[in-house]
N, C-alpha and C. Protein backbone atom coordinates (compact mmCIF):
# COMPACT_ATOMS: atom_id res chain seq x y z
N MET A 1 80.91 26.89 108.20
CA MET A 1 79.85 27.79 108.59
C MET A 1 79.01 27.14 109.67
N ILE A 2 78.61 27.90 110.65
CA ILE A 2 77.76 27.41 111.71
C ILE A 2 76.34 27.26 111.18
N ARG A 3 75.72 26.14 111.39
CA ARG A 3 74.35 25.91 110.96
C ARG A 3 73.40 26.27 112.10
N PRO A 4 72.20 26.76 111.79
CA PRO A 4 71.27 27.19 112.83
C PRO A 4 71.04 26.16 113.93
N ALA A 5 70.99 24.88 113.61
CA ALA A 5 70.75 23.85 114.62
C ALA A 5 71.92 23.73 115.60
N ASP A 6 73.09 24.17 115.19
CA ASP A 6 74.30 24.02 116.01
C ASP A 6 74.62 25.23 116.88
N ILE A 7 73.91 26.31 116.69
CA ILE A 7 74.28 27.58 117.33
C ILE A 7 74.44 27.46 118.83
N ARG A 8 73.49 26.88 119.51
CA ARG A 8 73.56 26.82 120.98
C ARG A 8 74.74 26.00 121.48
N GLU A 9 75.14 25.01 120.71
CA GLU A 9 76.26 24.16 121.11
C GLU A 9 77.59 24.90 121.13
N TRP A 10 77.70 25.99 120.37
CA TRP A 10 78.99 26.67 120.25
C TRP A 10 79.11 27.91 121.13
N ARG A 11 78.07 28.24 121.86
CA ARG A 11 78.18 29.36 122.80
C ARG A 11 79.21 29.02 123.86
N ASN A 12 79.92 30.04 124.31
CA ASN A 12 80.97 29.93 125.32
C ASN A 12 82.23 29.22 124.84
N HIS A 13 82.34 28.95 123.55
CA HIS A 13 83.58 28.41 123.00
C HIS A 13 84.51 29.57 122.63
N ASP A 14 85.79 29.31 122.58
CA ASP A 14 86.75 30.33 122.18
C ASP A 14 86.52 30.72 120.72
N VAL A 15 86.71 31.99 120.43
CA VAL A 15 86.71 32.49 119.06
C VAL A 15 88.15 32.88 118.76
N VAL A 16 88.70 32.32 117.68
CA VAL A 16 90.10 32.58 117.32
C VAL A 16 90.15 33.11 115.89
N ASP A 17 91.26 33.82 115.58
CA ASP A 17 91.44 34.30 114.22
C ASP A 17 92.17 33.24 113.40
N LEU A 18 92.51 33.56 112.15
CA LEU A 18 93.14 32.58 111.26
C LEU A 18 94.49 32.08 111.77
N GLN A 19 95.18 32.91 112.55
CA GLN A 19 96.48 32.51 113.10
C GLN A 19 96.34 31.75 114.43
N GLY A 20 95.11 31.57 114.89
CA GLY A 20 94.87 30.86 116.14
C GLY A 20 94.91 31.73 117.38
N HIS A 21 95.02 33.06 117.21
CA HIS A 21 95.01 33.97 118.35
C HIS A 21 93.60 34.08 118.90
N LYS A 22 93.47 33.91 120.21
CA LYS A 22 92.16 34.01 120.83
C LYS A 22 91.66 35.45 120.80
N ILE A 23 90.42 35.61 120.35
CA ILE A 23 89.77 36.92 120.32
C ILE A 23 88.92 37.08 121.56
N GLY A 24 88.21 36.04 121.94
CA GLY A 24 87.32 36.08 123.08
C GLY A 24 86.45 34.84 123.11
N THR A 25 85.27 34.96 123.71
CA THR A 25 84.34 33.85 123.87
C THR A 25 83.06 34.13 123.12
N LEU A 26 82.57 33.15 122.36
CA LEU A 26 81.34 33.34 121.60
C LEU A 26 80.17 33.49 122.55
N GLU A 27 79.46 34.59 122.42
CA GLU A 27 78.33 34.90 123.30
C GLU A 27 77.00 34.58 122.64
N ALA A 28 76.80 35.09 121.42
CA ALA A 28 75.52 34.89 120.72
C ALA A 28 75.75 34.95 119.23
N VAL A 29 74.78 34.44 118.49
CA VAL A 29 74.83 34.46 117.04
C VAL A 29 73.63 35.24 116.53
N TYR A 30 73.87 36.09 115.55
CA TYR A 30 72.81 36.83 114.88
C TYR A 30 72.67 36.26 113.47
N VAL A 31 71.43 35.99 113.08
CA VAL A 31 71.18 35.44 111.75
C VAL A 31 70.71 36.55 110.81
N ASP A 32 70.91 36.32 109.54
CA ASP A 32 70.41 37.22 108.50
C ASP A 32 68.91 36.98 108.41
N THR A 33 68.11 38.02 108.58
CA THR A 33 66.66 37.85 108.61
C THR A 33 66.09 37.41 107.26
N ALA A 34 66.80 37.64 106.17
CA ALA A 34 66.32 37.23 104.85
C ALA A 34 66.53 35.74 104.61
N THR A 35 67.60 35.18 105.16
CA THR A 35 67.94 33.78 104.87
C THR A 35 67.86 32.87 106.10
N ASP A 36 67.82 33.44 107.28
CA ASP A 36 67.86 32.72 108.55
C ASP A 36 69.17 31.95 108.73
N GLU A 37 70.21 32.37 108.02
CA GLU A 37 71.54 31.78 108.15
C GLU A 37 72.38 32.62 109.11
N PRO A 38 73.27 31.99 109.87
CA PRO A 38 74.14 32.75 110.77
C PRO A 38 74.94 33.79 109.99
N ALA A 39 74.97 35.01 110.49
CA ALA A 39 75.66 36.10 109.80
C ALA A 39 76.81 36.67 110.62
N VAL A 40 76.56 37.02 111.87
CA VAL A 40 77.59 37.57 112.74
C VAL A 40 77.44 36.98 114.14
N ALA A 41 78.51 37.06 114.89
CA ALA A 41 78.50 36.61 116.28
C ALA A 41 78.95 37.74 117.17
N THR A 42 78.50 37.71 118.41
CA THR A 42 79.07 38.61 119.40
C THR A 42 80.12 37.81 120.16
N VAL A 43 81.24 38.47 120.42
CA VAL A 43 82.37 37.85 121.10
C VAL A 43 82.65 38.67 122.35
N ARG A 44 82.67 37.99 123.50
CA ARG A 44 82.95 38.65 124.78
C ARG A 44 84.46 38.86 124.87
N THR A 45 84.85 40.15 124.99
CA THR A 45 86.27 40.49 125.10
C THR A 45 86.48 41.42 126.28
N GLY A 46 87.73 41.62 126.64
CA GLY A 46 88.08 42.57 127.69
C GLY A 46 88.38 41.91 129.02
N LEU A 47 88.76 42.75 129.95
CA LEU A 47 89.05 42.28 131.30
C LEU A 47 87.75 41.91 132.00
N PRO A 48 87.80 41.05 133.02
CA PRO A 48 86.56 40.63 133.68
C PRO A 48 85.67 41.77 134.17
N THR A 49 86.26 42.88 134.56
CA THR A 49 85.45 43.99 135.07
C THR A 49 85.09 45.01 133.98
N ARG A 50 85.62 44.83 132.76
CA ARG A 50 85.36 45.78 131.67
C ARG A 50 85.08 45.06 130.37
N GLN A 51 84.21 44.09 130.41
CA GLN A 51 83.93 43.32 129.21
C GLN A 51 82.92 44.01 128.31
N ARG A 52 82.98 43.66 127.04
CA ARG A 52 82.05 44.16 126.04
C ARG A 52 81.86 43.07 125.00
N LEU A 53 80.84 43.23 124.17
CA LEU A 53 80.56 42.28 123.11
C LEU A 53 80.88 42.94 121.78
N VAL A 54 81.85 42.40 121.04
CA VAL A 54 82.18 42.91 119.72
C VAL A 54 81.56 41.99 118.67
N PHE A 55 81.31 42.54 117.51
CA PHE A 55 80.68 41.80 116.43
C PHE A 55 81.72 41.33 115.43
N VAL A 56 81.55 40.09 114.96
CA VAL A 56 82.44 39.55 113.92
C VAL A 56 81.60 38.71 112.95
N PRO A 57 81.81 38.91 111.64
CA PRO A 57 81.07 38.11 110.66
C PRO A 57 81.47 36.64 110.75
N LEU A 58 80.53 35.79 110.41
CA LEU A 58 80.76 34.35 110.44
C LEU A 58 80.99 33.76 109.06
N ASP A 59 81.23 34.64 108.06
CA ASP A 59 81.54 34.13 106.73
C ASP A 59 82.81 33.30 106.80
N ASP A 60 82.78 32.13 106.25
CA ASP A 60 83.93 31.21 106.23
C ASP A 60 84.38 30.78 107.62
N ALA A 61 83.51 30.84 108.62
CA ALA A 61 83.87 30.37 109.96
C ALA A 61 84.08 28.85 109.93
N VAL A 62 85.03 28.40 110.74
CA VAL A 62 85.35 26.98 110.84
C VAL A 62 85.17 26.56 112.29
N LEU A 63 84.47 25.47 112.48
CA LEU A 63 84.26 24.94 113.83
C LEU A 63 85.29 23.88 114.14
N GLY A 64 85.84 23.95 115.33
CA GLY A 64 86.78 22.94 115.79
C GLY A 64 86.40 22.51 117.18
N PRO A 65 87.13 21.58 117.75
CA PRO A 65 86.80 21.13 119.10
C PRO A 65 87.07 22.25 120.12
N GLY A 66 86.01 22.89 120.57
CA GLY A 66 86.14 23.93 121.59
C GLY A 66 86.42 25.31 121.05
N TYR A 67 86.40 25.50 119.73
CA TYR A 67 86.67 26.84 119.19
C TYR A 67 85.90 27.07 117.90
N VAL A 68 85.77 28.36 117.57
CA VAL A 68 85.24 28.81 116.29
C VAL A 68 86.31 29.71 115.70
N ARG A 69 86.80 29.36 114.50
CA ARG A 69 87.83 30.17 113.84
C ARG A 69 87.14 31.06 112.81
N VAL A 70 87.35 32.37 112.93
CA VAL A 70 86.77 33.33 112.01
C VAL A 70 87.83 33.81 111.03
N SER A 71 87.38 34.39 109.93
CA SER A 71 88.32 34.80 108.88
C SER A 71 88.77 36.25 109.01
N HIS A 72 88.67 36.80 110.20
CA HIS A 72 89.07 38.19 110.43
C HIS A 72 90.14 38.24 111.52
N ASP A 73 91.08 39.15 111.34
CA ASP A 73 92.20 39.32 112.25
C ASP A 73 91.74 39.82 113.62
N ARG A 74 92.38 39.33 114.67
CA ARG A 74 92.02 39.71 116.04
C ARG A 74 92.03 41.22 116.24
N ALA A 75 93.03 41.91 115.74
CA ALA A 75 93.13 43.36 115.92
C ALA A 75 91.95 44.07 115.26
N ASP A 76 91.54 43.60 114.10
CA ASP A 76 90.41 44.20 113.40
C ASP A 76 89.11 43.96 114.16
N VAL A 77 88.94 42.75 114.69
CA VAL A 77 87.73 42.43 115.46
C VAL A 77 87.65 43.29 116.71
N LYS A 78 88.77 43.47 117.39
CA LYS A 78 88.76 44.25 118.63
C LYS A 78 88.38 45.72 118.39
N LYS A 79 88.55 46.21 117.15
CA LYS A 79 88.18 47.58 116.81
C LYS A 79 86.75 47.68 116.28
N ALA A 80 86.07 46.56 116.17
CA ALA A 80 84.72 46.52 115.59
C ALA A 80 83.70 47.16 116.51
N PRO A 81 82.55 47.54 115.97
CA PRO A 81 81.46 48.06 116.81
C PRO A 81 81.12 47.05 117.91
N SER A 82 80.72 47.58 119.06
CA SER A 82 80.45 46.72 120.20
C SER A 82 79.24 47.23 120.98
N ILE A 83 78.78 46.39 121.88
CA ILE A 83 77.71 46.75 122.82
C ILE A 83 78.12 46.26 124.19
N GLY A 84 77.44 46.73 125.22
CA GLY A 84 77.69 46.25 126.58
C GLY A 84 77.21 44.81 126.72
N THR A 85 77.70 44.13 127.72
CA THR A 85 77.36 42.72 127.90
C THR A 85 75.89 42.48 128.20
N ASP A 86 75.17 43.48 128.67
CA ASP A 86 73.74 43.34 128.95
C ASP A 86 72.87 44.08 127.95
N ASP A 87 73.48 44.61 126.89
CA ASP A 87 72.76 45.41 125.92
C ASP A 87 72.25 44.57 124.76
N ILE A 88 71.35 45.16 123.98
CA ILE A 88 70.89 44.55 122.74
C ILE A 88 71.33 45.44 121.59
N LEU A 89 71.37 44.89 120.40
CA LEU A 89 71.81 45.64 119.23
C LEU A 89 70.67 46.49 118.70
N PRO A 90 70.78 47.83 118.79
CA PRO A 90 69.75 48.68 118.20
C PRO A 90 69.81 48.60 116.67
N ALA A 91 68.68 48.72 116.02
CA ALA A 91 68.60 48.62 114.56
C ALA A 91 69.55 49.59 113.86
N GLU A 92 69.66 50.80 114.40
CA GLU A 92 70.51 51.81 113.74
C GLU A 92 72.00 51.52 113.86
N GLN A 93 72.38 50.55 114.68
CA GLN A 93 73.79 50.20 114.81
C GLN A 93 74.19 48.98 113.98
N GLU A 94 73.25 48.45 113.20
CA GLU A 94 73.59 47.31 112.34
C GLU A 94 74.54 47.71 111.21
N GLU A 95 74.21 48.80 110.53
CA GLU A 95 75.00 49.20 109.36
C GLU A 95 76.48 49.44 109.68
N PRO A 96 76.84 50.09 110.80
CA PRO A 96 78.27 50.27 111.10
C PRO A 96 79.04 48.96 111.23
N ILE A 97 78.39 47.89 111.65
CA ILE A 97 79.06 46.59 111.73
C ILE A 97 79.48 46.16 110.34
N PHE A 98 78.57 46.23 109.39
CA PHE A 98 78.87 45.83 108.03
C PHE A 98 79.93 46.74 107.41
N GLN A 99 79.84 48.03 107.66
CA GLN A 99 80.82 48.99 107.13
C GLN A 99 82.22 48.69 107.67
N HIS A 100 82.33 48.36 108.95
CA HIS A 100 83.63 48.08 109.55
C HIS A 100 84.36 46.95 108.82
N TYR A 101 83.62 45.96 108.38
CA TYR A 101 84.21 44.81 107.70
C TYR A 101 84.16 44.92 106.18
N GLY A 102 83.75 46.09 105.65
CA GLY A 102 83.71 46.29 104.21
C GLY A 102 82.64 45.47 103.51
N MET A 103 81.55 45.20 104.22
CA MET A 103 80.47 44.39 103.66
C MET A 103 79.29 45.30 103.31
N GLU A 104 78.55 44.89 102.29
CA GLU A 104 77.37 45.66 101.89
C GLU A 104 76.24 45.45 102.89
N TYR A 105 75.55 46.53 103.23
CA TYR A 105 74.42 46.45 104.16
C TYR A 105 73.13 46.75 103.40
N ARG A 106 72.16 45.85 103.52
CA ARG A 106 70.85 46.05 102.91
C ARG A 106 69.79 45.72 103.94
N GLN A 107 68.85 46.65 104.13
CA GLN A 107 67.69 46.35 104.98
C GLN A 107 66.74 45.47 104.18
N GLY A 108 65.76 44.89 104.87
CA GLY A 108 64.75 44.10 104.19
C GLY A 108 63.90 44.97 103.28
N VAL A 109 63.12 44.33 102.40
CA VAL A 109 62.28 45.03 101.44
C VAL A 109 61.37 46.05 102.14
N GLY A 110 60.81 45.68 103.27
CA GLY A 110 59.93 46.57 104.01
C GLY A 110 60.65 47.42 105.04
N GLY A 111 61.98 47.50 104.95
CA GLY A 111 62.76 48.30 105.89
C GLY A 111 63.06 47.57 107.19
N GLU A 112 62.81 46.26 107.23
CA GLU A 112 63.05 45.52 108.47
C GLU A 112 64.54 45.32 108.71
N ARG A 113 64.84 44.93 109.92
CA ARG A 113 66.22 44.71 110.35
C ARG A 113 66.88 43.62 109.52
N ARG A 114 68.20 43.70 109.46
CA ARG A 114 68.98 42.70 108.73
C ARG A 114 69.40 41.56 109.66
N LEU A 115 69.57 41.85 110.97
CA LEU A 115 70.08 40.86 111.91
C LEU A 115 69.07 40.56 113.02
N ALA A 116 69.02 39.29 113.41
CA ALA A 116 68.18 38.87 114.53
C ALA A 116 68.98 37.91 115.41
N ARG A 117 68.95 38.14 116.70
CA ARG A 117 69.70 37.30 117.63
C ARG A 117 69.00 35.96 117.83
N ARG A 118 69.81 34.91 117.87
CA ARG A 118 69.30 33.56 118.12
C ARG A 118 69.92 32.99 119.36
């Protein structure tokens, strides 16, 4: 698992699936607002002129020299909710990310966001 102090060091590293297939490049990490632990990452995918940022959970992520290995298949990640490379994640688009990966989504006690970019 990526620790909060390490997040900046892993930006721009390759993100690979369990079989070692490259998914894209790690762009940013979003932490769980309740725990401040890394929860999901955005991964830059696509052709240079048509790139987008897809979301992938960091549960069971493994760090290696120059890569981050996630526990989700490349094909599944490529179908995940995404945003443009210059966009931010709107609050109402958080839940579809969790649904795509079959994860439970809970807002904060006061209705606050679940994810915050670091």
